[in-house]
Protein backbone atom coordinates (compact mmCIF):
# COMPACT_ATOMS: atom_id res chain seq x y z
CA UNK A 1 0.00 0.00 0.00
CA UNK A 2 1.34 3.39 -1.01
CA UNK A 3 1.17 6.22 1.51
CA UNK A 4 1.88 9.87 0.94
CA UNK A 5 1.79 13.18 2.72
CA UNK A 6 1.79 15.34 -0.40
CA UNK A 7 -1.95 15.87 -0.60
CA UNK A 8 -5.27 14.67 -1.93
CA UNK A 9 -4.20 14.80 -5.57
CA UNK A 10 -2.04 11.75 -4.91
CA UNK A 11 -5.16 9.93 -3.77
CA UNK A 12 -6.93 10.43 -7.10
CA UNK A 13 -5.99 12.58 -10.12
CA UNK A 14 -9.30 14.43 -10.07
CA UNK A 15 -9.02 15.31 -6.38
CA UNK A 16 -6.92 18.18 -7.74
CA UNK A 17 -9.33 21.00 -8.74
CA UNK A 18 -7.12 22.04 -11.68
CA UNK A 19 -7.15 18.53 -13.16
CA UNK A 20 -10.86 18.20 -12.45
CA UNK A 21 -11.69 21.54 -14.07
CA UNK A 22 -9.54 20.81 -17.12
CA UNK A 23 -11.33 17.49 -17.53
CA UNK A 24 -14.70 19.26 -17.38
CA UNK A 25 -13.58 21.86 -19.92
CA UNK A 26 -12.39 19.13 -22.31
CA UNK A 27 -15.67 17.26 -21.94
CA UNK A 28 -17.67 20.47 -22.50
CA UNK A 29 -15.73 21.10 -25.71
CA UNK A 30 -16.25 17.51 -26.85
CA UNK A 31 -20.02 17.56 -26.23
CA UNK A 32 -20.57 21.30 -26.89
CA UNK A 33 -22.23 21.51 -23.46
CA UNK A 34 -21.33 20.23 -20.05
CA UNK A 35 -23.94 17.88 -18.63
CA UNK A 36 -24.80 18.90 -15.08
CA UNK A 37 -27.14 16.81 -12.92
CA UNK A 38 -28.56 18.65 -9.91
CA UNK A 39 -30.27 16.91 -7.02
CA UNK A 40 -33.44 18.61 -5.79
CA UNK A 41 -34.22 17.99 -2.12
CA UNK A 42 -31.83 19.90 0.17
CA UNK A 43 -29.55 20.76 -2.74
CA UNK A 44 -31.71 23.48 -4.33
CA UNK A 45 -34.94 23.13 -2.32
CA UNK A 46 -35.26 23.50 1.46
CA UNK A 47 -37.16 20.25 2.00
CA UNK A 48 -37.16 20.43 5.80
CA UNK A 49 -37.80 24.21 6.10
CA UNK A 50 -34.48 24.89 7.80
CA UNK A 51 -34.26 28.38 6.33
CA UNK A 52 -31.49 27.57 3.86
CA UNK A 53 -30.81 29.92 0.97
CA UNK A 54 -29.85 28.16 -2.25
CA UNK A 55 -29.66 31.31 -4.38
CA UNK A 56 -25.82 31.27 -4.62
CA UNK A 57 -25.96 27.85 -6.31
CA UNK A 58 -28.75 29.00 -8.63
CA UNK A 59 -26.66 32.11 -9.46
CA UNK A 60 -23.72 29.94 -10.48
CA UNK A 61 -25.93 27.72 -12.65
CA UNK A 62 -27.53 30.78 -14.30
CA UNK A 63 -24.08 32.14 -15.05
CA UNK A 64 -23.20 28.89 -16.86
CA UNK A 65 -26.64 28.41 -18.48
CA UNK A 66 -25.45 28.68 -22.08
CA UNK A 67 -22.62 26.24 -21.39
CA UNK A 68 -24.58 23.45 -19.67
CA UNK A 69 -27.28 20.87 -20.29
CA UNK A 70 -29.16 20.87 -16.99
CA UNK A 71 -30.72 17.69 -15.62
CA UNK A 72 -32.86 17.50 -12.50
CA UNK A 73 -31.55 14.44 -10.70
CA UNK A 74 -33.93 13.25 -8.04
CA UNK A 75 -35.31 10.28 -6.15
CA UNK A 76 -38.70 12.03 -6.16
CA UNK A 77 -41.71 10.44 -7.79
CA UNK A 78 -42.73 11.74 -11.23
CA UNK A 79 -45.73 13.44 -9.57
CA UNK A 80 -43.27 16.03 -8.18
CA UNK A 81 -41.59 16.79 -11.49
CA UNK A 82 -43.84 19.80 -12.21
CA UNK A 83 -42.94 21.27 -8.79
CA UNK A 84 -39.25 20.64 -9.46
CA UNK A 85 -39.41 22.33 -12.88
CA UNK A 86 -41.27 25.28 -11.35
CA UNK A 87 -38.65 25.74 -8.62
CA UNK A 88 -35.92 25.97 -11.26
CA UNK A 89 -38.06 28.36 -13.38
CA UNK A 90 -38.61 30.59 -10.33
CA UNK A 91 -34.83 30.91 -10.14
CA UNK A 92 -34.38 31.71 -13.82
CA UNK A 93 -33.38 28.24 -14.98
CA UNK A 94 -34.89 25.74 -17.36
CA UNK A 95 -34.38 22.03 -16.78
CA UNK A 96 -33.53 20.23 -19.99
CA UNK A 97 -34.58 16.91 -18.45
CA UNK A 98 -35.46 15.19 -15.19
CA UNK A 99 -33.87 11.80 -14.55
CA UNK A 100 -33.15 11.34 -18.27
CA UNK A 101 -29.90 11.39 -20.18
CA UNK A 102 -29.03 14.12 -22.64
CA UNK A 103 -30.28 13.05 -26.09
CA UNK A 104 -26.73 12.57 -27.44
CA UNK A 105 -25.80 10.16 -24.64
CA UNK A 106 -26.30 6.48 -25.36
CA UNK A 107 -28.13 4.80 -22.50
CA UNK A 108 -25.87 2.32 -20.76
CA UNK A 109 -27.95 1.55 -17.69
CA UNK A 110 -30.16 3.20 -15.10
CA UNK A 111 -27.58 5.78 -13.96
CA UNK A 112 -27.99 9.22 -15.50
CA UNK A 113 -24.77 10.31 -17.23
CA UNK A 114 -23.41 13.71 -16.23
CA UNK A 115 -20.04 15.41 -16.27
CA UNK A 116 -20.82 17.00 -12.93
CA UNK A 117 -23.23 15.86 -10.21
CA UNK A 118 -24.41 18.38 -7.63
CA UNK A 119 -25.87 16.73 -4.55
CA UNK A 120 -25.98 17.72 -0.88
CA UNK A 121 -25.10 14.13 0.02
CA UNK A 122 -22.26 13.59 -2.42
CA UNK A 123 -19.49 16.06 -3.10
CA UNK A 124 -21.43 19.33 -3.03
CA UNK A 125 -18.36 21.29 -1.95
CA UNK A 126 -16.28 19.84 -4.81
CA UNK A 127 -19.07 20.68 -7.27
CA UNK A 128 -19.17 24.23 -5.90
CA UNK A 129 -15.44 24.67 -6.50
CA UNK A 130 -15.78 23.14 -9.97
CA UNK A 131 -18.62 25.51 -10.92
CA UNK A 132 -16.62 28.48 -9.70
CA UNK A 133 -13.55 27.31 -11.64
CA UNK A 134 -15.64 26.89 -14.80
CA UNK A 135 -17.12 30.38 -14.45
CA UNK A 136 -13.58 31.73 -14.10
CA UNK A 137 -12.25 29.67 -17.01
CA UNK A 138 -15.06 30.87 -19.29
CA UNK A 139 -14.51 34.47 -18.14
CA UNK A 140 -18.14 34.84 -17.09
CA UNK A 141 -17.50 37.19 -14.17
CA UNK A 142 -18.88 37.06 -10.65
CA UNK A 143 -22.33 35.43 -10.54
CA UNK A 144 -22.98 37.00 -7.13
CA UNK A 145 -22.74 40.65 -8.21
CA UNK A 146 -20.26 42.82 -6.38
CA UNK A 147 -20.28 40.91 -3.10
CA UNK A 148 -19.29 37.32 -2.46
CA UNK A 149 -22.08 35.25 -0.90
CA UNK A 150 -22.17 34.64 2.84
CA UNK A 151 -22.02 31.06 4.06
CA UNK A 152 -23.25 31.31 7.64
C-alpha atoms as a PDB file:
ATOM      1  CA  UNK A   1       0.000   0.000   0.000  1.00  0.00           C
ATOM      2  CA  UNK A   2       1.337   3.390  -1.008  1.00  0.00           C
ATOM      3  CA  UNK A   3       1.167   6.224   1.507  1.00  0.00           C
ATOM      4  CA  UNK A   4       1.884   9.873   0.942  1.00  0.00           C
ATOM      5  CA  UNK A   5       1.787  13.180   2.724  1.00  0.00           C
ATOM      6  CA  UNK A   6       1.792  15.339  -0.396  1.00  0.00           C
ATOM      7  CA  UNK A   7      -1.953  15.874  -0.600  1.00  0.00           C
ATOM      8  CA  UNK A   8      -5.267  14.670  -1.931  1.00  0.00           C
ATOM      9  CA  UNK A   9      -4.200  14.798  -5.569  1.00  0.00           C
ATOM     10  CA  UNK A  10      -2.041  11.752  -4.908  1.00  0.00           C
ATOM     11  CA  UNK A  11      -5.161   9.931  -3.771  1.00  0.00           C
ATOM     12  CA  UNK A  12      -6.930  10.430  -7.099  1.00  0.00           C
ATOM     13  CA  UNK A  13      -5.989  12.578 -10.117  1.00  0.00           C
ATOM     14  CA  UNK A  14      -9.299  14.432 -10.066  1.00  0.00           C
ATOM     15  CA  UNK A  15      -9.020  15.315  -6.383  1.00  0.00           C
ATOM     16  CA  UNK A  16      -6.924  18.179  -7.741  1.00  0.00           C
ATOM     17  CA  UNK A  17      -9.327  20.997  -8.739  1.00  0.00           C
ATOM     18  CA  UNK A  18      -7.121  22.044 -11.679  1.00  0.00           C
ATOM     19  CA  UNK A  19      -7.150  18.532 -13.162  1.00  0.00           C
ATOM     20  CA  UNK A  20     -10.862  18.199 -12.447  1.00  0.00           C
ATOM     21  CA  UNK A  21     -11.694  21.537 -14.074  1.00  0.00           C
ATOM     22  CA  UNK A  22      -9.536  20.808 -17.120  1.00  0.00           C
ATOM     23  CA  UNK A  23     -11.328  17.489 -17.534  1.00  0.00           C
ATOM     24  CA  UNK A  24     -14.699  19.262 -17.377  1.00  0.00           C
ATOM     25  CA  UNK A  25     -13.583  21.859 -19.925  1.00  0.00           C
ATOM     26  CA  UNK A  26     -12.385  19.128 -22.315  1.00  0.00           C
ATOM     27  CA  UNK A  27     -15.670  17.265 -21.937  1.00  0.00           C
ATOM     28  CA  UNK A  28     -17.670  20.472 -22.503  1.00  0.00           C
ATOM     29  CA  UNK A  29     -15.730  21.101 -25.706  1.00  0.00           C
ATOM     30  CA  UNK A  30     -16.254  17.515 -26.852  1.00  0.00           C
ATOM     31  CA  UNK A  31     -20.021  17.555 -26.229  1.00  0.00           C
ATOM     32  CA  UNK A  32     -20.571  21.303 -26.889  1.00  0.00           C
ATOM     33  CA  UNK A  33     -22.232  21.513 -23.465  1.00  0.00           C
ATOM     34  CA  UNK A  34     -21.333  20.233 -20.054  1.00  0.00           C
ATOM     35  CA  UNK A  35     -23.944  17.876 -18.629  1.00  0.00           C
ATOM     36  CA  UNK A  36     -24.803  18.899 -15.078  1.00  0.00           C
ATOM     37  CA  UNK A  37     -27.140  16.809 -12.918  1.00  0.00           C
ATOM     38  CA  UNK A  38     -28.564  18.650  -9.910  1.00  0.00           C
ATOM     39  CA  UNK A  39     -30.270  16.912  -7.017  1.00  0.00           C
ATOM     40  CA  UNK A  40     -33.438  18.612  -5.794  1.00  0.00           C
ATOM     41  CA  UNK A  41     -34.219  17.989  -2.121  1.00  0.00           C
ATOM     42  CA  UNK A  42     -31.833  19.896   0.166  1.00  0.00           C
ATOM     43  CA  UNK A  43     -29.550  20.764  -2.735  1.00  0.00           C
ATOM     44  CA  UNK A  44     -31.709  23.477  -4.334  1.00  0.00           C
ATOM     45  CA  UNK A  45     -34.936  23.133  -2.318  1.00  0.00           C
ATOM     46  CA  UNK A  46     -35.258  23.501   1.458  1.00  0.00           C
ATOM     47  CA  UNK A  47     -37.163  20.250   1.997  1.00  0.00           C
ATOM     48  CA  UNK A  48     -37.157  20.435   5.803  1.00  0.00           C
ATOM     49  CA  UNK A  49     -37.798  24.206   6.099  1.00  0.00           C
ATOM     50  CA  UNK A  50     -34.483  24.887   7.799  1.00  0.00           C
ATOM     51  CA  UNK A  51     -34.256  28.378   6.330  1.00  0.00           C
ATOM     52  CA  UNK A  52     -31.493  27.570   3.861  1.00  0.00           C
ATOM     53  CA  UNK A  53     -30.806  29.915   0.969  1.00  0.00           C
ATOM     54  CA  UNK A  54     -29.848  28.163  -2.247  1.00  0.00           C
ATOM     55  CA  UNK A  55     -29.663  31.312  -4.377  1.00  0.00           C
ATOM     56  CA  UNK A  56     -25.820  31.271  -4.620  1.00  0.00           C
ATOM     57  CA  UNK A  57     -25.962  27.850  -6.311  1.00  0.00           C
ATOM     58  CA  UNK A  58     -28.749  29.003  -8.630  1.00  0.00           C
ATOM     59  CA  UNK A  59     -26.663  32.105  -9.459  1.00  0.00           C
ATOM     60  CA  UNK A  60     -23.716  29.940 -10.479  1.00  0.00           C
ATOM     61  CA  UNK A  61     -25.934  27.723 -12.653  1.00  0.00           C
ATOM     62  CA  UNK A  62     -27.531  30.781 -14.302  1.00  0.00           C
ATOM     63  CA  UNK A  63     -24.077  32.141 -15.053  1.00  0.00           C
ATOM     64  CA  UNK A  64     -23.203  28.890 -16.857  1.00  0.00           C
ATOM     65  CA  UNK A  65     -26.640  28.407 -18.476  1.00  0.00           C
ATOM     66  CA  UNK A  66     -25.449  28.680 -22.076  1.00  0.00           C
ATOM     67  CA  UNK A  67     -22.623  26.236 -21.386  1.00  0.00           C
ATOM     68  CA  UNK A  68     -24.578  23.446 -19.674  1.00  0.00           C
ATOM     69  CA  UNK A  69     -27.281  20.868 -20.294  1.00  0.00           C
ATOM     70  CA  UNK A  70     -29.155  20.873 -16.987  1.00  0.00           C
ATOM     71  CA  UNK A  71     -30.719  17.686 -15.623  1.00  0.00           C
ATOM     72  CA  UNK A  72     -32.859  17.501 -12.498  1.00  0.00           C
ATOM     73  CA  UNK A  73     -31.547  14.444 -10.698  1.00  0.00           C
ATOM     74  CA  UNK A  74     -33.932  13.251  -8.038  1.00  0.00           C
ATOM     75  CA  UNK A  75     -35.313  10.285  -6.153  1.00  0.00           C
ATOM     76  CA  UNK A  76     -38.699  12.032  -6.162  1.00  0.00           C
ATOM     77  CA  UNK A  77     -41.707  10.440  -7.793  1.00  0.00           C
ATOM     78  CA  UNK A  78     -42.734  11.745 -11.227  1.00  0.00           C
ATOM     79  CA  UNK A  79     -45.727  13.440  -9.572  1.00  0.00           C
ATOM     80  CA  UNK A  80     -43.271  16.031  -8.175  1.00  0.00           C
ATOM     81  CA  UNK A  81     -41.592  16.794 -11.489  1.00  0.00           C
ATOM     82  CA  UNK A  82     -43.844  19.805 -12.208  1.00  0.00           C
ATOM     83  CA  UNK A  83     -42.943  21.274  -8.792  1.00  0.00           C
ATOM     84  CA  UNK A  84     -39.252  20.642  -9.461  1.00  0.00           C
ATOM     85  CA  UNK A  85     -39.413  22.327 -12.884  1.00  0.00           C
ATOM     86  CA  UNK A  86     -41.269  25.282 -11.354  1.00  0.00           C
ATOM     87  CA  UNK A  87     -38.649  25.738  -8.623  1.00  0.00           C
ATOM     88  CA  UNK A  88     -35.924  25.969 -11.256  1.00  0.00           C
ATOM     89  CA  UNK A  89     -38.055  28.356 -13.376  1.00  0.00           C
ATOM     90  CA  UNK A  90     -38.611  30.592 -10.329  1.00  0.00           C
ATOM     91  CA  UNK A  91     -34.831  30.907 -10.140  1.00  0.00           C
ATOM     92  CA  UNK A  92     -34.382  31.705 -13.820  1.00  0.00           C
ATOM     93  CA  UNK A  93     -33.375  28.235 -14.983  1.00  0.00           C
ATOM     94  CA  UNK A  94     -34.891  25.736 -17.361  1.00  0.00           C
ATOM     95  CA  UNK A  95     -34.381  22.030 -16.781  1.00  0.00           C
ATOM     96  CA  UNK A  96     -33.526  20.231 -19.991  1.00  0.00           C
ATOM     97  CA  UNK A  97     -34.581  16.907 -18.450  1.00  0.00           C
ATOM     98  CA  UNK A  98     -35.458  15.189 -15.193  1.00  0.00           C
ATOM     99  CA  UNK A  99     -33.869  11.801 -14.554  1.00  0.00           C
ATOM    100  CA  UNK A 100     -33.152  11.342 -18.269  1.00  0.00           C
ATOM    101  CA  UNK A 101     -29.904  11.389 -20.178  1.00  0.00           C
ATOM    102  CA  UNK A 102     -29.028  14.118 -22.644  1.00  0.00           C
ATOM    103  CA  UNK A 103     -30.276  13.053 -26.086  1.00  0.00           C
ATOM    104  CA  UNK A 104     -26.734  12.569 -27.440  1.00  0.00           C
ATOM    105  CA  UNK A 105     -25.796  10.159 -24.644  1.00  0.00           C
ATOM    106  CA  UNK A 106     -26.299   6.481 -25.360  1.00  0.00           C
ATOM    107  CA  UNK A 107     -28.132   4.800 -22.500  1.00  0.00           C
ATOM    108  CA  UNK A 108     -25.873   2.321 -20.757  1.00  0.00           C
ATOM    109  CA  UNK A 109     -27.953   1.547 -17.687  1.00  0.00           C
ATOM    110  CA  UNK A 110     -30.160   3.200 -15.097  1.00  0.00           C
ATOM    111  CA  UNK A 111     -27.579   5.782 -13.959  1.00  0.00           C
ATOM    112  CA  UNK A 112     -27.993   9.217 -15.505  1.00  0.00           C
ATOM    113  CA  UNK A 113     -24.767  10.310 -17.231  1.00  0.00           C
ATOM    114  CA  UNK A 114     -23.410  13.712 -16.235  1.00  0.00           C
ATOM    115  CA  UNK A 115     -20.043  15.414 -16.275  1.00  0.00           C
ATOM    116  CA  UNK A 116     -20.824  17.002 -12.926  1.00  0.00           C
ATOM    117  CA  UNK A 117     -23.232  15.860 -10.210  1.00  0.00           C
ATOM    118  CA  UNK A 118     -24.408  18.383  -7.628  1.00  0.00           C
ATOM    119  CA  UNK A 119     -25.871  16.730  -4.553  1.00  0.00           C
ATOM    120  CA  UNK A 120     -25.983  17.721  -0.876  1.00  0.00           C
ATOM    121  CA  UNK A 121     -25.103  14.133   0.024  1.00  0.00           C
ATOM    122  CA  UNK A 122     -22.256  13.592  -2.419  1.00  0.00           C
ATOM    123  CA  UNK A 123     -19.490  16.064  -3.100  1.00  0.00           C
ATOM    124  CA  UNK A 124     -21.430  19.332  -3.031  1.00  0.00           C
ATOM    125  CA  UNK A 125     -18.364  21.288  -1.955  1.00  0.00           C
ATOM    126  CA  UNK A 126     -16.278  19.837  -4.810  1.00  0.00           C
ATOM    127  CA  UNK A 127     -19.070  20.676  -7.266  1.00  0.00           C
ATOM    128  CA  UNK A 128     -19.170  24.233  -5.896  1.00  0.00           C
ATOM    129  CA  UNK A 129     -15.437  24.674  -6.497  1.00  0.00           C
ATOM    130  CA  UNK A 130     -15.777  23.142  -9.968  1.00  0.00           C
ATOM    131  CA  UNK A 131     -18.623  25.508 -10.922  1.00  0.00           C
ATOM    132  CA  UNK A 132     -16.618  28.476  -9.696  1.00  0.00           C
ATOM    133  CA  UNK A 133     -13.546  27.315 -11.635  1.00  0.00           C
ATOM    134  CA  UNK A 134     -15.643  26.889 -14.803  1.00  0.00           C
ATOM    135  CA  UNK A 135     -17.120  30.375 -14.447  1.00  0.00           C
ATOM    136  CA  UNK A 136     -13.584  31.732 -14.100  1.00  0.00           C
ATOM    137  CA  UNK A 137     -12.249  29.669 -17.015  1.00  0.00           C
ATOM    138  CA  UNK A 138     -15.065  30.874 -19.287  1.00  0.00           C
ATOM    139  CA  UNK A 139     -14.513  34.472 -18.144  1.00  0.00           C
ATOM    140  CA  UNK A 140     -18.143  34.839 -17.089  1.00  0.00           C
ATOM    141  CA  UNK A 141     -17.502  37.194 -14.166  1.00  0.00           C
ATOM    142  CA  UNK A 142     -18.881  37.064 -10.651  1.00  0.00           C
ATOM    143  CA  UNK A 143     -22.335  35.430 -10.540  1.00  0.00           C
ATOM    144  CA  UNK A 144     -22.983  36.998  -7.132  1.00  0.00           C
ATOM    145  CA  UNK A 145     -22.740  40.647  -8.207  1.00  0.00           C
ATOM    146  CA  UNK A 146     -20.259  42.823  -6.379  1.00  0.00           C
ATOM    147  CA  UNK A 147     -20.281  40.906  -3.102  1.00  0.00           C
ATOM    148  CA  UNK A 148     -19.293  37.323  -2.463  1.00  0.00           C
ATOM    149  CA  UNK A 149     -22.085  35.248  -0.900  1.00  0.00           C
ATOM    150  CA  UNK A 150     -22.169  34.638   2.844  1.00  0.00           C
ATOM    151  CA  UNK A 151     -22.022  31.059   4.056  1.00  0.00           C
ATOM    152  CA  UNK A 152     -23.255  31.315   7.638  1.00  0.00           C
END
